[in-house]
């Protein structure tokens, strides 16, 4: 599954909910240091880094042009546009949306665990 696809948002949401619950349980048991790092590394870092990579590659395609001869070893998708720079920019936008969804889900899951405990 590609991080830039819209259907990946629900999978990221599930991972973020579990991460938020783990962070809340870590806070409740005074073992926060390792769990916060795990929550951030599993749910927030990959889509944010992926967005940056997509956007940097989109800028290379946009400024360098001539997409037929450059980067011919890369797998190209056409989910959002036939133009490679636009496609990569859209994939990065979906990835950054996943980061924001993950932040909200971590927060909501942590609040829910605090309320239950």
N, C-alpha and C. Protein backbone atom coordinates (compact mmCIF):
# COMPACT_ATOMS: atom_id res chain seq x y z
N UNK A 1 0.84 -1.18 0.00
CA UNK A 1 0.00 0.00 0.00
C UNK A 1 0.89 1.24 0.00
N UNK A 2 0.55 2.17 -0.82
CA UNK A 2 1.32 3.39 -0.98
C UNK A 2 0.83 4.44 0.01
N UNK A 3 1.76 5.15 0.64
CA UNK A 3 1.36 6.17 1.61
C UNK A 3 0.61 7.33 0.99
N UNK A 4 0.71 7.52 -0.29
CA UNK A 4 0.03 8.63 -0.94
C UNK A 4 -1.39 8.33 -1.36
N UNK A 5 -1.84 7.12 -1.19
CA UNK A 5 -3.20 6.77 -1.58
C UNK A 5 -4.18 7.18 -0.49
N UNK A 6 -5.36 7.59 -0.91
CA UNK A 6 -6.38 8.02 0.06
C UNK A 6 -6.83 6.87 0.96
N UNK A 7 -6.84 5.67 0.44
CA UNK A 7 -7.30 4.54 1.26
C UNK A 7 -6.33 4.20 2.39
N UNK A 8 -5.12 4.73 2.32
CA UNK A 8 -4.16 4.47 3.40
C UNK A 8 -4.47 5.31 4.65
N UNK A 9 -5.38 6.28 4.54
CA UNK A 9 -5.69 7.12 5.69
C UNK A 9 -6.31 6.32 6.83
N UNK A 10 -7.18 5.36 6.51
CA UNK A 10 -7.82 4.61 7.59
C UNK A 10 -6.84 3.67 8.28
N UNK A 11 -5.89 3.12 7.54
CA UNK A 11 -4.87 2.27 8.17
C UNK A 11 -3.98 3.10 9.09
N UNK A 12 -3.60 4.28 8.63
CA UNK A 12 -2.83 5.19 9.47
C UNK A 12 -3.58 5.61 10.70
N UNK A 13 -4.89 5.78 10.55
CA UNK A 13 -5.73 6.16 11.69
C UNK A 13 -5.74 5.05 12.75
N UNK A 14 -5.82 3.80 12.32
CA UNK A 14 -5.79 2.69 13.27
C UNK A 14 -4.45 2.63 14.02
N UNK A 15 -3.36 2.81 13.30
CA UNK A 15 -2.04 2.79 13.93
C UNK A 15 -1.91 3.95 14.91
N UNK A 16 -2.43 5.12 14.53
CA UNK A 16 -2.34 6.29 15.40
C UNK A 16 -3.19 6.12 16.65
N UNK A 17 -4.35 5.49 16.52
CA UNK A 17 -5.19 5.25 17.70
C UNK A 17 -4.48 4.33 18.70
N UNK A 18 -3.84 3.29 18.18
CA UNK A 18 -3.09 2.40 19.06
C UNK A 18 -1.89 3.12 19.68
N UNK A 19 -1.24 3.96 18.92
CA UNK A 19 -0.10 4.72 19.45
C UNK A 19 -0.56 5.69 20.54
N UNK A 20 -1.68 6.34 20.32
CA UNK A 20 -2.22 7.26 21.33
C UNK A 20 -2.58 6.55 22.61
N UNK A 21 -3.17 5.37 22.48
CA UNK A 21 -3.50 4.59 23.67
C UNK A 21 -2.23 4.16 24.40
N UNK A 22 -1.20 3.79 23.66
CA UNK A 22 0.06 3.39 24.28
C UNK A 22 0.72 4.56 25.00
N UNK A 23 0.64 5.75 24.41
CA UNK A 23 1.20 6.93 25.06
C UNK A 23 0.46 7.23 26.35
N UNK A 24 -0.86 7.16 26.32
CA UNK A 24 -1.65 7.42 27.53
C UNK A 24 -1.37 6.39 28.62
N UNK A 25 -1.25 5.14 28.23
CA UNK A 25 -0.93 4.11 29.22
C UNK A 25 0.47 4.31 29.78
N UNK A 26 1.38 4.76 28.94
CA UNK A 26 2.73 5.05 29.40
C UNK A 26 2.75 6.20 30.40
N UNK A 27 1.95 7.22 30.16
CA UNK A 27 1.86 8.34 31.09
C UNK A 27 1.26 7.90 32.42
N UNK A 28 0.24 7.06 32.34
CA UNK A 28 -0.40 6.59 33.56
C UNK A 28 0.51 5.69 34.39
N UNK A 29 1.42 4.96 33.74
CA UNK A 29 2.30 4.05 34.48
C UNK A 29 3.69 4.63 34.69
N UNK A 30 3.88 5.91 34.44
CA UNK A 30 5.17 6.59 34.61
C UNK A 30 6.29 5.98 33.79
N UNK A 31 5.98 5.43 32.65
CA UNK A 31 6.97 4.86 31.74
C UNK A 31 6.82 5.53 30.38
N UNK A 32 6.94 6.83 30.36
CA UNK A 32 6.60 7.60 29.18
C UNK A 32 7.71 7.70 28.15
N UNK A 33 8.95 7.67 28.54
CA UNK A 33 10.06 7.98 27.64
C UNK A 33 10.08 7.08 26.40
N UNK A 34 10.00 5.80 26.58
CA UNK A 34 10.10 4.91 25.43
C UNK A 34 8.82 4.87 24.62
N UNK A 35 7.68 4.98 25.26
CA UNK A 35 6.42 4.87 24.52
C UNK A 35 6.14 6.07 23.64
N UNK A 36 6.51 7.25 24.07
CA UNK A 36 6.31 8.42 23.23
C UNK A 36 7.16 8.32 21.98
N UNK A 37 8.36 7.85 22.11
CA UNK A 37 9.22 7.66 20.94
C UNK A 37 8.67 6.63 19.98
N UNK A 38 8.10 5.57 20.50
CA UNK A 38 7.51 4.55 19.65
C UNK A 38 6.29 5.11 18.93
N UNK A 39 5.45 5.86 19.64
CA UNK A 39 4.25 6.43 19.02
C UNK A 39 4.61 7.39 17.90
N UNK A 40 5.60 8.21 18.13
CA UNK A 40 5.99 9.17 17.11
C UNK A 40 6.64 8.46 15.92
N UNK A 41 7.49 7.51 16.21
CA UNK A 41 8.20 6.86 15.11
C UNK A 41 7.29 5.96 14.27
N UNK A 42 6.24 5.39 14.84
CA UNK A 42 5.39 4.50 14.07
C UNK A 42 4.28 5.21 13.33
N UNK A 43 3.79 6.32 13.84
CA UNK A 43 2.63 6.92 13.20
C UNK A 43 2.85 8.31 12.63
N UNK A 44 3.81 9.06 13.11
CA UNK A 44 3.98 10.42 12.63
C UNK A 44 5.14 10.59 11.66
N UNK A 45 6.23 9.94 11.91
CA UNK A 45 7.42 10.15 11.09
C UNK A 45 7.28 9.64 9.65
N UNK A 46 6.82 8.41 9.40
CA UNK A 46 6.79 7.92 8.01
C UNK A 46 5.98 8.77 7.04
N UNK A 47 4.75 9.18 7.36
CA UNK A 47 4.04 9.99 6.36
C UNK A 47 4.62 11.39 6.19
N UNK A 48 5.18 11.97 7.23
CA UNK A 48 5.79 13.30 7.10
C UNK A 48 7.04 13.24 6.23
N UNK A 49 7.86 12.23 6.43
CA UNK A 49 9.06 12.06 5.61
C UNK A 49 8.66 11.74 4.17
N UNK A 50 7.64 10.90 4.02
CA UNK A 50 7.16 10.54 2.69
C UNK A 50 6.67 11.77 1.93
N UNK A 51 5.97 12.66 2.61
CA UNK A 51 5.49 13.89 1.97
C UNK A 51 6.66 14.73 1.48
N UNK A 52 7.67 14.87 2.31
CA UNK A 52 8.85 15.63 1.91
C UNK A 52 9.56 15.02 0.72
N UNK A 53 9.66 13.69 0.70
CA UNK A 53 10.30 13.02 -0.43
C UNK A 53 9.50 13.19 -1.71
N UNK A 54 8.18 13.04 -1.60
CA UNK A 54 7.33 13.24 -2.78
C UNK A 54 7.45 14.66 -3.31
N UNK A 55 7.43 15.65 -2.42
CA UNK A 55 7.49 17.04 -2.85
C UNK A 55 8.84 17.40 -3.43
N UNK A 56 9.91 16.84 -2.88
CA UNK A 56 11.23 17.13 -3.46
C UNK A 56 11.36 16.50 -4.84
N UNK A 57 10.85 15.29 -5.00
CA UNK A 57 10.89 14.65 -6.32
C UNK A 57 9.98 15.38 -7.30
N UNK A 58 8.84 15.88 -6.82
CA UNK A 58 7.94 16.66 -7.68
C UNK A 58 8.62 17.94 -8.16
N UNK A 59 9.39 18.58 -7.29
CA UNK A 59 10.09 19.79 -7.71
C UNK A 59 11.18 19.47 -8.73
N UNK A 60 11.84 18.32 -8.59
CA UNK A 60 12.83 17.92 -9.58
C UNK A 60 12.15 17.69 -10.92
N UNK A 61 11.03 16.98 -10.92
CA UNK A 61 10.31 16.76 -12.18
C UNK A 61 9.83 18.08 -12.77
N UNK A 62 9.36 18.99 -11.93
CA UNK A 62 8.83 20.26 -12.41
C UNK A 62 9.92 21.13 -13.03
N UNK A 63 11.05 21.24 -12.35
CA UNK A 63 12.10 22.13 -12.83
C UNK A 63 12.97 21.52 -13.92
N UNK A 64 13.18 20.23 -13.89
CA UNK A 64 14.04 19.59 -14.89
C UNK A 64 13.28 19.23 -16.16
N UNK A 65 12.00 18.93 -16.04
CA UNK A 65 11.20 18.60 -17.22
C UNK A 65 11.65 17.33 -17.90
N UNK A 66 11.22 17.15 -19.14
CA UNK A 66 11.59 16.02 -19.98
C UNK A 66 11.44 14.70 -19.23
N UNK A 67 10.21 14.39 -18.88
CA UNK A 67 9.93 13.22 -18.05
C UNK A 67 10.11 11.89 -18.77
N UNK A 68 10.19 11.91 -20.08
CA UNK A 68 10.28 10.64 -20.80
C UNK A 68 11.65 10.00 -20.69
N UNK A 69 12.71 10.79 -20.59
CA UNK A 69 14.05 10.20 -20.54
C UNK A 69 14.62 10.16 -19.13
N UNK A 70 14.17 11.02 -18.26
CA UNK A 70 14.70 11.05 -16.89
C UNK A 70 13.95 10.06 -16.00
N UNK A 71 14.65 9.53 -15.06
CA UNK A 71 14.06 8.71 -14.01
C UNK A 71 13.21 7.57 -14.58
N UNK A 72 13.68 6.94 -15.63
CA UNK A 72 12.90 5.89 -16.26
C UNK A 72 12.86 4.61 -15.43
N UNK A 73 13.68 4.51 -14.40
CA UNK A 73 13.65 3.33 -13.54
C UNK A 73 12.62 3.45 -12.43
N UNK A 74 12.07 4.63 -12.22
CA UNK A 74 11.07 4.81 -11.17
C UNK A 74 9.73 4.27 -11.62
N UNK A 75 9.00 3.68 -10.68
CA UNK A 75 7.65 3.24 -10.97
C UNK A 75 6.73 4.44 -10.94
N UNK A 76 5.99 4.65 -12.00
CA UNK A 76 5.11 5.80 -12.06
C UNK A 76 3.67 5.37 -11.91
N UNK A 77 2.91 6.11 -11.13
CA UNK A 77 1.49 5.86 -10.95
C UNK A 77 0.71 7.02 -11.52
N UNK A 78 -0.53 6.78 -11.82
CA UNK A 78 -1.40 7.83 -12.32
C UNK A 78 -2.71 7.82 -11.53
N UNK A 79 -2.61 8.00 -10.22
CA UNK A 79 -3.81 8.05 -9.39
C UNK A 79 -4.52 9.38 -9.52
N UNK A 80 -3.78 10.47 -9.58
CA UNK A 80 -4.37 11.81 -9.52
C UNK A 80 -4.15 12.63 -10.78
N UNK A 81 -3.10 12.36 -11.53
CA UNK A 81 -2.79 13.18 -12.71
C UNK A 81 -1.88 12.41 -13.64
N UNK A 82 -1.92 12.76 -14.90
CA UNK A 82 -1.01 12.16 -15.89
C UNK A 82 0.35 12.86 -15.87
N UNK A 83 0.41 14.08 -15.35
CA UNK A 83 1.65 14.84 -15.26
C UNK A 83 2.40 14.40 -14.00
N UNK A 84 3.65 13.99 -14.13
CA UNK A 84 4.40 13.40 -13.01
C UNK A 84 4.57 14.35 -11.84
N UNK A 85 4.88 15.61 -12.10
CA UNK A 85 5.08 16.56 -11.00
C UNK A 85 3.79 16.76 -10.22
N UNK A 86 2.67 16.86 -10.91
CA UNK A 86 1.38 17.01 -10.24
C UNK A 86 1.01 15.76 -9.46
N UNK A 87 1.29 14.61 -10.04
CA UNK A 87 1.02 13.34 -9.36
C UNK A 87 1.82 13.23 -8.06
N UNK A 88 3.11 13.55 -8.12
CA UNK A 88 3.95 13.47 -6.94
C UNK A 88 3.54 14.49 -5.88
N UNK A 89 3.15 15.68 -6.32
CA UNK A 89 2.68 16.69 -5.37
C UNK A 89 1.40 16.23 -4.67
N UNK A 90 0.48 15.62 -5.41
CA UNK A 90 -0.77 15.12 -4.82
C UNK A 90 -0.49 13.98 -3.85
N UNK A 91 0.41 13.09 -4.20
CA UNK A 91 0.76 11.99 -3.29
C UNK A 91 1.37 12.53 -2.00
N UNK A 92 2.20 13.57 -2.11
CA UNK A 92 2.75 14.21 -0.92
C UNK A 92 1.68 14.89 -0.09
N UNK A 93 0.68 15.49 -0.74
CA UNK A 93 -0.41 16.13 -0.01
C UNK A 93 -1.23 15.11 0.78
N UNK A 94 -1.47 13.96 0.19
CA UNK A 94 -2.19 12.91 0.92
C UNK A 94 -1.35 12.41 2.09
N UNK A 95 -0.05 12.32 1.91
CA UNK A 95 0.83 11.87 3.00
C UNK A 95 0.83 12.86 4.16
N UNK A 96 0.84 14.16 3.85
CA UNK A 96 0.83 15.14 4.94
C UNK A 96 -0.54 15.16 5.62
N UNK A 97 -1.61 14.88 4.86
CA UNK A 97 -2.93 14.74 5.47
C UNK A 97 -2.94 13.57 6.44
N UNK A 98 -2.26 12.50 6.08
CA UNK A 98 -2.15 11.35 6.97
C UNK A 98 -1.43 11.73 8.26
N UNK A 99 -0.43 12.58 8.17
CA UNK A 99 0.26 13.04 9.38
C UNK A 99 -0.69 13.80 10.28
N UNK A 100 -1.49 14.69 9.71
CA UNK A 100 -2.44 15.46 10.52
C UNK A 100 -3.54 14.57 11.10
N UNK A 101 -4.01 13.61 10.33
CA UNK A 101 -5.01 12.65 10.85
C UNK A 101 -4.41 11.86 12.00
N UNK A 102 -3.15 11.46 11.88
CA UNK A 102 -2.49 10.72 12.94
C UNK A 102 -2.37 11.55 14.22
N UNK A 103 -2.05 12.82 14.09
CA UNK A 103 -1.95 13.68 15.27
C UNK A 103 -3.29 13.75 15.99
N UNK A 104 -4.35 13.94 15.24
CA UNK A 104 -5.69 14.02 15.84
C UNK A 104 -6.07 12.69 16.49
N UNK A 105 -5.78 11.58 15.81
CA UNK A 105 -6.13 10.26 16.36
C UNK A 105 -5.33 9.93 17.61
N UNK A 106 -4.06 10.29 17.64
CA UNK A 106 -3.26 10.07 18.85
C UNK A 106 -3.85 10.85 20.01
N UNK A 107 -4.20 12.09 19.75
CA UNK A 107 -4.78 12.93 20.79
C UNK A 107 -6.11 12.35 21.28
N UNK A 108 -7.00 11.96 20.37
CA UNK A 108 -8.30 11.43 20.76
C UNK A 108 -8.17 10.10 21.52
N UNK A 109 -7.28 9.24 21.07
CA UNK A 109 -7.08 7.97 21.77
C UNK A 109 -6.52 8.18 23.16
N UNK A 110 -5.61 9.12 23.30
CA UNK A 110 -5.05 9.40 24.62
C UNK A 110 -6.12 9.96 25.56
N UNK A 111 -6.95 10.87 25.05
CA UNK A 111 -8.04 11.42 25.87
C UNK A 111 -9.01 10.30 26.28
N UNK A 112 -9.33 9.42 25.35
CA UNK A 112 -10.24 8.32 25.66
C UNK A 112 -9.68 7.40 26.74
N UNK A 113 -8.39 7.08 26.65
CA UNK A 113 -7.77 6.23 27.68
C UNK A 113 -7.74 6.93 29.03
N UNK A 114 -7.46 8.23 29.02
CA UNK A 114 -7.47 8.98 30.29
C UNK A 114 -8.86 9.00 30.91
N UNK A 115 -9.90 9.13 30.09
CA UNK A 115 -11.26 9.14 30.59
C UNK A 115 -11.67 7.79 31.17
N UNK A 116 -11.24 6.71 30.50
CA UNK A 116 -11.57 5.37 30.96
C UNK A 116 -10.83 5.03 32.25
N UNK A 117 -9.59 5.47 32.37
CA UNK A 117 -8.79 5.16 33.56
C UNK A 117 -9.19 6.10 34.62
